[in-house]
């Protein structure tokens, strides 16, 4: 069990050593990789539709619903109940 853990640790160290720039940049050499990953995630959230909505469609709708409920709670908007028939 312990030998497998050390072997896995060595594999990770080897993979990390393959990224260039260790002497000049140190751990900051990974920043461009994560920057690109973040950009791809943002693009997916804006452009990829799941069903009929993107992530930002859902975000805008939920924010609008929260603002509406807050206005009702503050008394700015009065909601009238429909008349009973």
PDB file of N, CA and C in Angstrom:
ATOM      1  N   UNK A   1       0.833  -1.194   0.000  1.00  0.00           N
ATOM      2  CA  UNK A   1       0.000   0.000   0.000  1.00  0.00           C
ATOM      3  C   UNK A   1       0.870   1.247   0.000  1.00  0.00           C
ATOM      4  N   UNK A   2       1.847   1.293   0.880  1.00  0.00           N
ATOM      5  CA  UNK A   2       2.729   2.446   0.985  1.00  0.00           C
ATOM      6  C   UNK A   2       3.597   2.584  -0.255  1.00  0.00           C
ATOM      7  N   UNK A   3       4.008   1.458  -0.810  1.00  0.00           N
ATOM      8  CA  UNK A   3       4.831   1.484  -2.027  1.00  0.00           C
ATOM      9  C   UNK A   3       4.040   2.046  -3.207  1.00  0.00           C
ATOM     10  N   UNK A   4       2.745   1.703  -3.297  1.00  0.00           N
ATOM     11  CA  UNK A   4       1.906   2.240  -4.368  1.00  0.00           C
ATOM     12  C   UNK A   4       1.775   3.745  -4.246  1.00  0.00           C
ATOM     13  N   UNK A   5       1.654   4.247  -3.016  1.00  0.00           N
ATOM     14  CA  UNK A   5       1.503   5.678  -2.801  1.00  0.00           C
ATOM     15  C   UNK A   5       2.763   6.421  -3.249  1.00  0.00           C
ATOM     16  N   UNK A   6       3.945   5.881  -2.908  1.00  0.00           N
ATOM     17  CA  UNK A   6       5.190   6.523  -3.319  1.00  0.00           C
ATOM     18  C   UNK A   6       5.370   6.453  -4.829  1.00  0.00           C
ATOM     19  N   UNK A   7       4.952   5.358  -5.431  1.00  0.00           N
ATOM     20  CA  UNK A   7       5.041   5.215  -6.879  1.00  0.00           C
ATOM     21  C   UNK A   7       4.145   6.243  -7.571  1.00  0.00           C
ATOM     22  N   UNK A   8       2.932   6.433  -7.047  1.00  0.00           N
ATOM     23  CA  UNK A   8       2.006   7.424  -7.590  1.00  0.00           C
ATOM     24  C   UNK A   8       2.579   8.831  -7.421  1.00  0.00           C
ATOM     25  N   UNK A   9       3.199   9.096  -6.280  1.00  0.00           N
ATOM     26  CA  UNK A   9       3.820  10.391  -6.015  1.00  0.00           C
ATOM     27  C   UNK A   9       4.940  10.652  -7.018  1.00  0.00           C
ATOM     28  N   UNK A  10       5.741   9.634  -7.308  1.00  0.00           N
ATOM     29  CA  UNK A  10       6.815   9.776  -8.295  1.00  0.00           C
ATOM     30  C   UNK A  10       6.253  10.023  -9.691  1.00  0.00           C
ATOM     31  N   UNK A  11       5.145   9.376 -10.024  1.00  0.00           N
ATOM     32  CA  UNK A  11       4.516   9.605 -11.326  1.00  0.00           C
ATOM     33  C   UNK A  11       4.047  11.054 -11.456  1.00  0.00           C
ATOM     34  N   UNK A  12       3.448  11.577 -10.405  1.00  0.00           N
ATOM     35  CA  UNK A  12       2.974  12.969 -10.424  1.00  0.00           C
ATOM     36  C   UNK A  12       4.157  13.919 -10.546  1.00  0.00           C
ATOM     37  N   UNK A  13       5.223  13.662  -9.784  1.00  0.00           N
ATOM     38  CA  UNK A  13       6.408  14.507  -9.877  1.00  0.00           C
ATOM     39  C   UNK A  13       6.990  14.489 -11.278  1.00  0.00           C
ATOM     40  N   UNK A  14       6.995  13.320 -11.902  1.00  0.00           N
ATOM     41  CA  UNK A  14       7.519  13.207 -13.254  1.00  0.00           C
ATOM     42  C   UNK A  14       6.673  14.017 -14.235  1.00  0.00           C
ATOM     43  N   UNK A  15       5.338  13.902 -14.122  1.00  0.00           N
ATOM     44  CA  UNK A  15       4.465  14.649 -15.020  1.00  0.00           C
ATOM     45  C   UNK A  15       4.632  16.161 -14.835  1.00  0.00           C
ATOM     46  N   UNK A  16       4.768  16.596 -13.589  1.00  0.00           N
ATOM     47  CA  UNK A  16       4.960  18.026 -13.326  1.00  0.00           C
ATOM     48  C   UNK A  16       6.309  18.517 -13.842  1.00  0.00           C
ATOM     49  N   UNK A  17       7.305  17.649 -13.821  1.00  0.00           N
ATOM     50  CA  UNK A  17       8.631  18.052 -14.294  1.00  0.00           C
ATOM     51  C   UNK A  17       8.672  18.218 -15.807  1.00  0.00           C
ATOM     52  N   UNK A  18       7.691  17.670 -16.521  1.00  0.00           N
ATOM     53  CA  UNK A  18       7.640  17.804 -17.970  1.00  0.00           C
ATOM     54  C   UNK A  18       7.242  19.210 -18.420  1.00  0.00           C
ATOM     55  N   UNK A  19       6.599  19.975 -17.528  1.00  0.00           N
ATOM     56  CA  UNK A  19       6.196  21.347 -17.867  1.00  0.00           C
ATOM     57  C   UNK A  19       7.437  22.224 -17.850  1.00  0.00           C
ATOM     58  N   UNK A  20       7.723  22.937 -18.950  1.00  0.00           N
ATOM     59  CA  UNK A  20       8.944  23.752 -19.014  1.00  0.00           C
ATOM     60  C   UNK A  20       8.865  25.000 -18.134  1.00  0.00           C
ATOM     61  N   UNK A  21      10.033  25.584 -17.834  1.00  0.00           N
ATOM     62  CA  UNK A  21      10.105  26.844 -17.106  1.00  0.00           C
ATOM     63  C   UNK A  21      10.341  26.725 -15.619  1.00  0.00           C
ATOM     64  N   UNK A  22      10.796  25.579 -15.165  1.00  0.00           N
ATOM     65  CA  UNK A  22      10.963  25.361 -13.723  1.00  0.00           C
ATOM     66  C   UNK A  22      12.008  26.311 -13.139  1.00  0.00           C
ATOM     67  N   UNK A  23      13.117  26.543 -13.833  1.00  0.00           N
ATOM     68  CA  UNK A  23      14.190  27.397 -13.315  1.00  0.00           C
ATOM     69  C   UNK A  23      13.746  28.855 -13.208  1.00  0.00           C
ATOM     70  N   UNK A  24      13.118  29.369 -14.242  1.00  0.00           N
ATOM     71  CA  UNK A  24      12.767  30.793 -14.275  1.00  0.00           C
ATOM     72  C   UNK A  24      11.500  31.118 -13.518  1.00  0.00           C
ATOM     73  N   UNK A  25      10.460  30.313 -13.693  1.00  0.00           N
ATOM     74  CA  UNK A  25       9.140  30.663 -13.179  1.00  0.00           C
ATOM     75  C   UNK A  25       8.743  29.911 -11.918  1.00  0.00           C
ATOM     76  N   UNK A  26       9.354  28.790 -11.641  1.00  0.00           N
ATOM     77  CA  UNK A  26       8.987  27.997 -10.463  1.00  0.00           C
ATOM     78  C   UNK A  26       7.567  27.473 -10.591  1.00  0.00           C
ATOM     79  N   UNK A  27       6.786  27.606  -9.531  1.00  0.00           N
ATOM     80  CA  UNK A  27       5.407  27.118  -9.581  1.00  0.00           C
ATOM     81  C   UNK A  27       4.514  27.983 -10.452  1.00  0.00           C
ATOM     82  N   UNK A  28       4.930  29.198 -10.742  1.00  0.00           N
ATOM     83  CA  UNK A  28       4.114  30.077 -11.581  1.00  0.00           C
ATOM     84  C   UNK A  28       4.062  29.604 -13.028  1.00  0.00           C
ATOM     85  N   UNK A  29       4.831  28.621 -13.375  1.00  0.00           N
ATOM     86  CA  UNK A  29       4.817  28.120 -14.751  1.00  0.00           C
ATOM     87  C   UNK A  29       3.488  27.449 -15.092  1.00  0.00           C
ATOM     88  N   UNK A  30       2.690  27.127 -14.095  1.00  0.00           N
ATOM     89  CA  UNK A  30       1.400  26.488 -14.336  1.00  0.00           C
ATOM     90  C   UNK A  30       0.282  27.496 -14.580  1.00  0.00           C
ATOM     91  N   UNK A  31       0.518  28.771 -14.317  1.00  0.00           N
ATOM     92  CA  UNK A  31      -0.524  29.785 -14.481  1.00  0.00           C
ATOM     93  C   UNK A  31      -1.121  29.815 -15.881  1.00  0.00           C
ATOM     94  N   UNK A  32      -0.331  29.795 -16.955  1.00  0.00           N
ATOM     95  CA  UNK A  32      -0.956  29.822 -18.285  1.00  0.00           C
ATOM     96  C   UNK A  32      -1.896  28.645 -18.535  1.00  0.00           C
ATOM     97  N   UNK A  33      -1.565  27.495 -17.983  1.00  0.00           N
ATOM     98  CA  UNK A  33      -2.422  26.320 -18.165  1.00  0.00           C
ATOM     99  C   UNK A  33      -3.776  26.557 -17.518  1.00  0.00           C
ATOM    100  N   UNK A  34      -3.761  27.033 -16.265  1.00  0.00           N
ATOM    101  CA  UNK A  34      -5.019  27.260 -15.563  1.00  0.00           C
ATOM    102  C   UNK A  34      -5.780  28.440 -16.144  1.00  0.00           C
ATOM    103  N   UNK A  35      -5.067  29.429 -16.666  1.00  0.00           N
ATOM    104  CA  UNK A  35      -5.712  30.554 -17.328  1.00  0.00           C
ATOM    105  C   UNK A  35      -6.491  30.062 -18.547  1.00  0.00           C
ATOM    106  N   UNK A  36      -5.884  29.179 -19.332  1.00  0.00           N
ATOM    107  CA  UNK A  36      -6.554  28.627 -20.510  1.00  0.00           C
ATOM    108  C   UNK A  36      -7.744  27.754 -20.110  1.00  0.00           C
ATOM    109  N   UNK A  37      -7.597  26.973 -19.063  1.00  0.00           N
ATOM    110  CA  UNK A  37      -8.707  26.149 -18.580  1.00  0.00           C
ATOM    111  C   UNK A  37      -9.875  27.032 -18.161  1.00  0.00           C
ATOM    112  N   UNK A  38      -9.579  28.118 -17.464  1.00  0.00           N
ATOM    113  CA  UNK A  38     -10.629  29.058 -17.051  1.00  0.00           C
ATOM    114  C   UNK A  38     -11.313  29.698 -18.243  1.00  0.00           C
ATOM    115  N   UNK A  39     -10.540  30.057 -19.270  1.00  0.00           N
ATOM    116  CA  UNK A  39     -11.130  30.637 -20.473  1.00  0.00           C
ATOM    117  C   UNK A  39     -12.049  29.669 -21.190  1.00  0.00           C
ATOM    118  N   UNK A  40     -11.638  28.416 -21.264  1.00  0.00           N
ATOM    119  CA  UNK A  40     -12.473  27.399 -21.901  1.00  0.00           C
ATOM    120  C   UNK A  40     -13.760  27.194 -21.108  1.00  0.00           C
ATOM    121  N   UNK A  41     -13.650  27.156 -19.793  1.00  0.00           N
ATOM    122  CA  UNK A  41     -14.852  26.998 -18.964  1.00  0.00           C
ATOM    123  C   UNK A  41     -15.807  28.171 -19.166  1.00  0.00           C
ATOM    124  N   UNK A  42     -15.279  29.390 -19.212  1.00  0.00           N
ATOM    125  CA  UNK A  42     -16.113  30.575 -19.422  1.00  0.00           C
ATOM    126  C   UNK A  42     -16.801  30.506 -20.784  1.00  0.00           C
ATOM    127  N   UNK A  43     -16.067  30.116 -21.820  1.00  0.00           N
ATOM    128  CA  UNK A  43     -16.652  30.004 -23.152  1.00  0.00           C
ATOM    129  C   UNK A  43     -17.788  28.982 -23.157  1.00  0.00           C
ATOM    130  N   UNK A  44     -17.565  27.853 -22.491  1.00  0.00           N
ATOM    131  CA  UNK A  44     -18.602  26.818 -22.416  1.00  0.00           C
ATOM    132  C   UNK A  44     -19.835  27.345 -21.695  1.00  0.00           C
ATOM    133  N   UNK A  45     -19.628  28.078 -20.598  1.00  0.00           N
ATOM    134  CA  UNK A  45     -20.764  28.599 -19.833  1.00  0.00           C
ATOM    135  C   UNK A  45     -21.569  29.610 -20.647  1.00  0.00           C
ATOM    136  N   UNK A  46     -20.923  30.345 -21.536  1.00  0.00           N
ATOM    137  CA  UNK A  46     -21.617  31.349 -22.336  1.00  0.00           C
ATOM    138  C   UNK A  46     -22.266  30.734 -23.565  1.00  0.00           C
ATOM    139  N   UNK A  47     -21.599  29.821 -24.244  1.00  0.00           N
ATOM    140  CA  UNK A  47     -22.033  29.391 -25.568  1.00  0.00           C
ATOM    141  C   UNK A  47     -22.690  28.024 -25.658  1.00  0.00           C
ATOM    142  N   UNK A  48     -22.441  27.136 -24.734  1.00  0.00           N
ATOM    143  CA  UNK A  48     -22.979  25.778 -24.839  1.00  0.00           C
ATOM    144  C   UNK A  48     -24.356  25.731 -24.191  1.00  0.00           C
ATOM    145  N   UNK A  49     -25.316  25.311 -24.976  1.00  0.00           N
ATOM    146  CA  UNK A  49     -26.689  25.229 -24.473  1.00  0.00           C
ATOM    147  C   UNK A  49     -26.967  23.804 -23.987  1.00  0.00           C
ATOM    148  N   UNK A  50     -27.555  23.719 -22.818  1.00  0.00           N
ATOM    149  CA  UNK A  50     -28.022  22.443 -22.290  1.00  0.00           C
ATOM    150  C   UNK A  50     -29.538  22.560 -22.273  1.00  0.00           C
ATOM    151  N   UNK A  51     -30.177  21.825 -23.133  1.00  0.00           N
ATOM    152  CA  UNK A  51     -31.610  22.040 -23.340  1.00  0.00           C
ATOM    153  C   UNK A  51     -31.773  23.327 -24.131  1.00  0.00           C
ATOM    154  N   UNK A  52     -32.464  24.292 -23.547  1.00  0.00           N
ATOM    155  CA  UNK A  52     -32.678  25.576 -24.213  1.00  0.00           C
ATOM    156  C   UNK A  52     -31.906  26.710 -23.563  1.00  0.00           C
ATOM    157  N   UNK A  53     -31.159  26.421 -22.507  1.00  0.00           N
ATOM    158  CA  UNK A  53     -30.549  27.502 -21.738  1.00  0.00           C
ATOM    159  C   UNK A  53     -29.045  27.325 -21.591  1.00  0.00           C
ATOM    160  N   UNK A  54     -28.353  28.455 -21.496  1.00  0.00           N
ATOM    161  CA  UNK A  54     -26.950  28.456 -21.119  1.00  0.00           C
ATOM    162  C   UNK A  54     -26.881  28.750 -19.630  1.00  0.00           C
ATOM    163  N   UNK A  55     -25.691  28.658 -19.073  1.00  0.00           N
ATOM    164  CA  UNK A  55     -25.509  28.964 -17.656  1.00  0.00           C
ATOM    165  C   UNK A  55     -25.937  30.394 -17.345  1.00  0.00           C
ATOM    166  N   UNK A  56     -25.590  31.338 -18.221  1.00  0.00           N
ATOM    167  CA  UNK A  56     -25.898  32.744 -17.951  1.00  0.00           C
ATOM    168  C   UNK A  56     -27.375  33.047 -18.096  1.00  0.00           C
ATOM    169  N   UNK A  57     -28.099  32.300 -18.943  1.00  0.00           N
ATOM    170  CA  UNK A  57     -29.553  32.465 -18.997  1.00  0.00           C
ATOM    171  C   UNK A  57     -30.168  32.122 -17.646  1.00  0.00           C
ATOM    172  N   UNK A  58     -29.729  31.024 -17.081  1.00  0.00           N
ATOM    173  CA  UNK A  58     -30.229  30.589 -15.768  1.00  0.00           C
ATOM    174  C   UNK A  58     -29.837  31.614 -14.700  1.00  0.00           C
ATOM    175  N   UNK A  59     -28.596  32.101 -14.742  1.00  0.00           N
ATOM    176  CA  UNK A  59     -28.125  33.071 -13.755  1.00  0.00           C
ATOM    177  C   UNK A  59     -28.958  34.348 -13.809  1.00  0.00           C
ATOM    178  N   UNK A  60     -29.203  34.871 -15.005  1.00  0.00           N
ATOM    179  CA  UNK A  60     -29.992  36.108 -15.134  1.00  0.00           C
ATOM    180  C   UNK A  60     -31.416  35.903 -14.652  1.00  0.00           C
ATOM    181  N   UNK A  61     -32.012  34.760 -14.979  1.00  0.00           N
ATOM    182  CA  UNK A  61     -33.382  34.496 -14.547  1.00  0.00           C
ATOM    183  C   UNK A  61     -33.471  34.413 -13.025  1.00  0.00           C
ATOM    184  N   UNK A  62     -32.547  33.683 -12.413  1.00  0.00           N
ATOM    185  CA  UNK A  62     -32.557  33.542 -10.951  1.00  0.00           C
ATOM    186  C   UNK A  62     -32.328  34.888 -10.264  1.00  0.00           C
ATOM    187  N   UNK A  63     -31.403  35.702 -10.800  1.00  0.00           N
ATOM    188  CA  UNK A  63     -31.145  37.017 -10.214  1.00  0.00           C
ATOM    189  C   UNK A  63     -32.386  37.894 -10.304  1.00  0.00           C
ATOM    190  N   UNK A  64     -33.075  37.845 -11.447  1.00  0.00           N
ATOM    191  CA  UNK A  64     -34.294  38.620 -11.624  1.00  0.00           C
ATOM    192  C   UNK A  64     -35.376  38.162 -10.644  1.00  0.00           C
ATOM    193  N   UNK A  65     -35.501  36.852 -10.456  1.00  0.00           N
ATOM    194  CA  UNK A  65     -36.482  36.334  -9.494  1.00  0.00           C
ATOM    195  C   UNK A  65     -36.163  36.793  -8.073  1.00  0.00           C
ATOM    196  N   UNK A  66     -34.867  36.760  -7.687  1.00  0.00           N
ATOM    197  CA  UNK A  66     -34.478  37.215  -6.347  1.00  0.00           C
ATOM    198  C   UNK A  66     -34.789  38.699  -6.149  1.00  0.00           C
ATOM    199  N   UNK A  67     -34.495  39.519  -7.167  1.00  0.00           N
ATOM    200  CA  UNK A  67     -34.780  40.951  -7.058  1.00  0.00           C
ATOM    201  C   UNK A  67     -36.284  41.196  -6.921  1.00  0.00           C
ATOM    202  N   UNK A  68     -37.090  40.467  -7.682  1.00  0.00           N
ATOM    203  CA  UNK A  68     -38.540  40.603  -7.609  1.00  0.00           C
ATOM    204  C   UNK A  68     -39.056  40.223  -6.224  1.00  0.00           C
ATOM    205  N   UNK A  69     -38.555  39.105  -5.683  1.00  0.00           N
ATOM    206  CA  UNK A  69     -38.982  38.673  -4.346  1.00  0.00           C
ATOM    207  C   UNK A  69     -38.545  39.680  -3.284  1.00  0.00           C
ATOM    208  N   UNK A  70     -37.374  40.281  -3.445  1.00  0.00           N
ATOM    209  CA  UNK A  70     -36.897  41.283  -2.489  1.00  0.00           C
ATOM    210  C   UNK A  70     -37.779  42.525  -2.536  1.00  0.00           C
ATOM    211  N   UNK A  71     -38.202  42.926  -3.729  1.00  0.00           N
ATOM    212  CA  UNK A  71     -39.088  44.091  -3.855  1.00  0.00           C
ATOM    213  C   UNK A  71     -40.433  43.817  -3.212  1.00  0.00           C
ATOM    214  N   UNK A  72     -40.930  42.585  -3.341  1.00  0.00           N
ATOM    215  CA  UNK A  72     -42.184  42.215  -2.686  1.00  0.00           C
ATOM    216  C   UNK A  72     -42.008  42.275  -1.171  1.00  0.00           C
ATOM    217  N   UNK A  73     -40.876  41.754  -0.671  1.00  0.00           N
ATOM    218  CA  UNK A  73     -40.618  41.758   0.771  1.00  0.00           C
ATOM    219  C   UNK A  73     -40.465  43.177   1.302  1.00  0.00           C
ATOM    220  N   UNK A  74     -39.891  44.072   0.509  1.00  0.00           N
ATOM    221  CA  UNK A  74     -39.707  45.467   0.936  1.00  0.00           C
ATOM    222  C   UNK A  74     -40.982  46.282   0.799  1.00  0.00           C
ATOM    223  N   UNK A  75     -41.989  45.758   0.140  1.00  0.00           N
ATOM    224  CA  UNK A  75     -43.244  46.470  -0.025  1.00  0.00           C
ATOM    225  C   UNK A  75     -43.260  47.411  -1.218  1.00  0.00           C
ATOM    226  N   UNK A  76     -42.255  47.365  -2.058  1.00  0.00           N
ATOM    227  CA  UNK A  76     -42.218  48.224  -3.245  1.00  0.00           C
ATOM    228  C   UNK A  76     -43.267  47.759  -4.249  1.00  0.00           C
ATOM    229  N   UNK A  77     -43.450  46.440  -4.345  1.00  0.00           N
ATOM    230  CA  UNK A  77     -44.444  45.851  -5.243  1.00  0.00           C
ATOM    231  C   UNK A  77     -45.493  45.170  -4.382  1.00  0.00           C
ATOM    232  N   UNK A  78     -46.764  45.470  -4.673  1.00  0.00           N
ATOM    233  CA  UNK A  78     -47.853  44.841  -3.944  1.00  0.00           C
ATOM    234  C   UNK A  78     -48.502  43.818  -4.878  1.00  0.00           C
ATOM    235  N   UNK A  79     -48.524  42.580  -4.443  1.00  0.00           N
ATOM    236  CA  UNK A  79     -49.097  41.516  -5.240  1.00  0.00           C
ATOM    237  C   UNK A  79     -50.539  41.319  -4.758  1.00  0.00           C
ATOM    238  N   UNK A  80     -51.471  41.486  -5.683  1.00  0.00           N
ATOM    239  CA  UNK A  80     -52.875  41.311  -5.345  1.00  0.00           C
ATOM    240  C   UNK A  80     -53.286  39.886  -5.663  1.00  0.00           C
ATOM    241  N   UNK A  81     -54.016  39.296  -4.740  1.00  0.00           N
ATOM    242  CA  UNK A  81     -54.523  37.947  -4.954  1.00  0.00           C
ATOM    243  C   UNK A  81     -55.667  38.012  -5.961  1.00  0.00           C
ATOM    244  N   UNK A  82     -55.785  37.016  -6.838  1.00  0.00           N
ATOM    245  CA  UNK A  82     -56.929  37.022  -7.785  1.00  0.00           C
ATOM    246  C   UNK A  82     -58.235  36.869  -7.029  1.00  0.00           C
ATOM    247  N   UNK A  83     -59.264  37.527  -7.536  1.00  0.00           N
ATOM    248  CA  UNK A  83     -60.580  37.487  -6.886  1.00  0.00           C
ATOM    249  C   UNK A  83     -61.177  36.084  -6.976  1.00  0.00           C
ATOM    250  N   UNK A  84     -61.797  35.664  -5.883  1.00  0.00           N
ATOM    251  CA  UNK A  84     -62.422  34.332  -5.849  1.00  0.00           C
ATOM    252  C   UNK A  84     -63.674  34.348  -6.709  1.00  0.00           C
ATOM    253  N   UNK A  85     -63.937  33.272  -7.409  1.00  0.00           N
ATOM    254  CA  UNK A  85     -65.119  33.187  -8.285  1.00  0.00           C
ATOM    255  C   UNK A  85     -66.260  32.545  -7.601  1.00  0.00           C
TER     256      UNK A  85
END
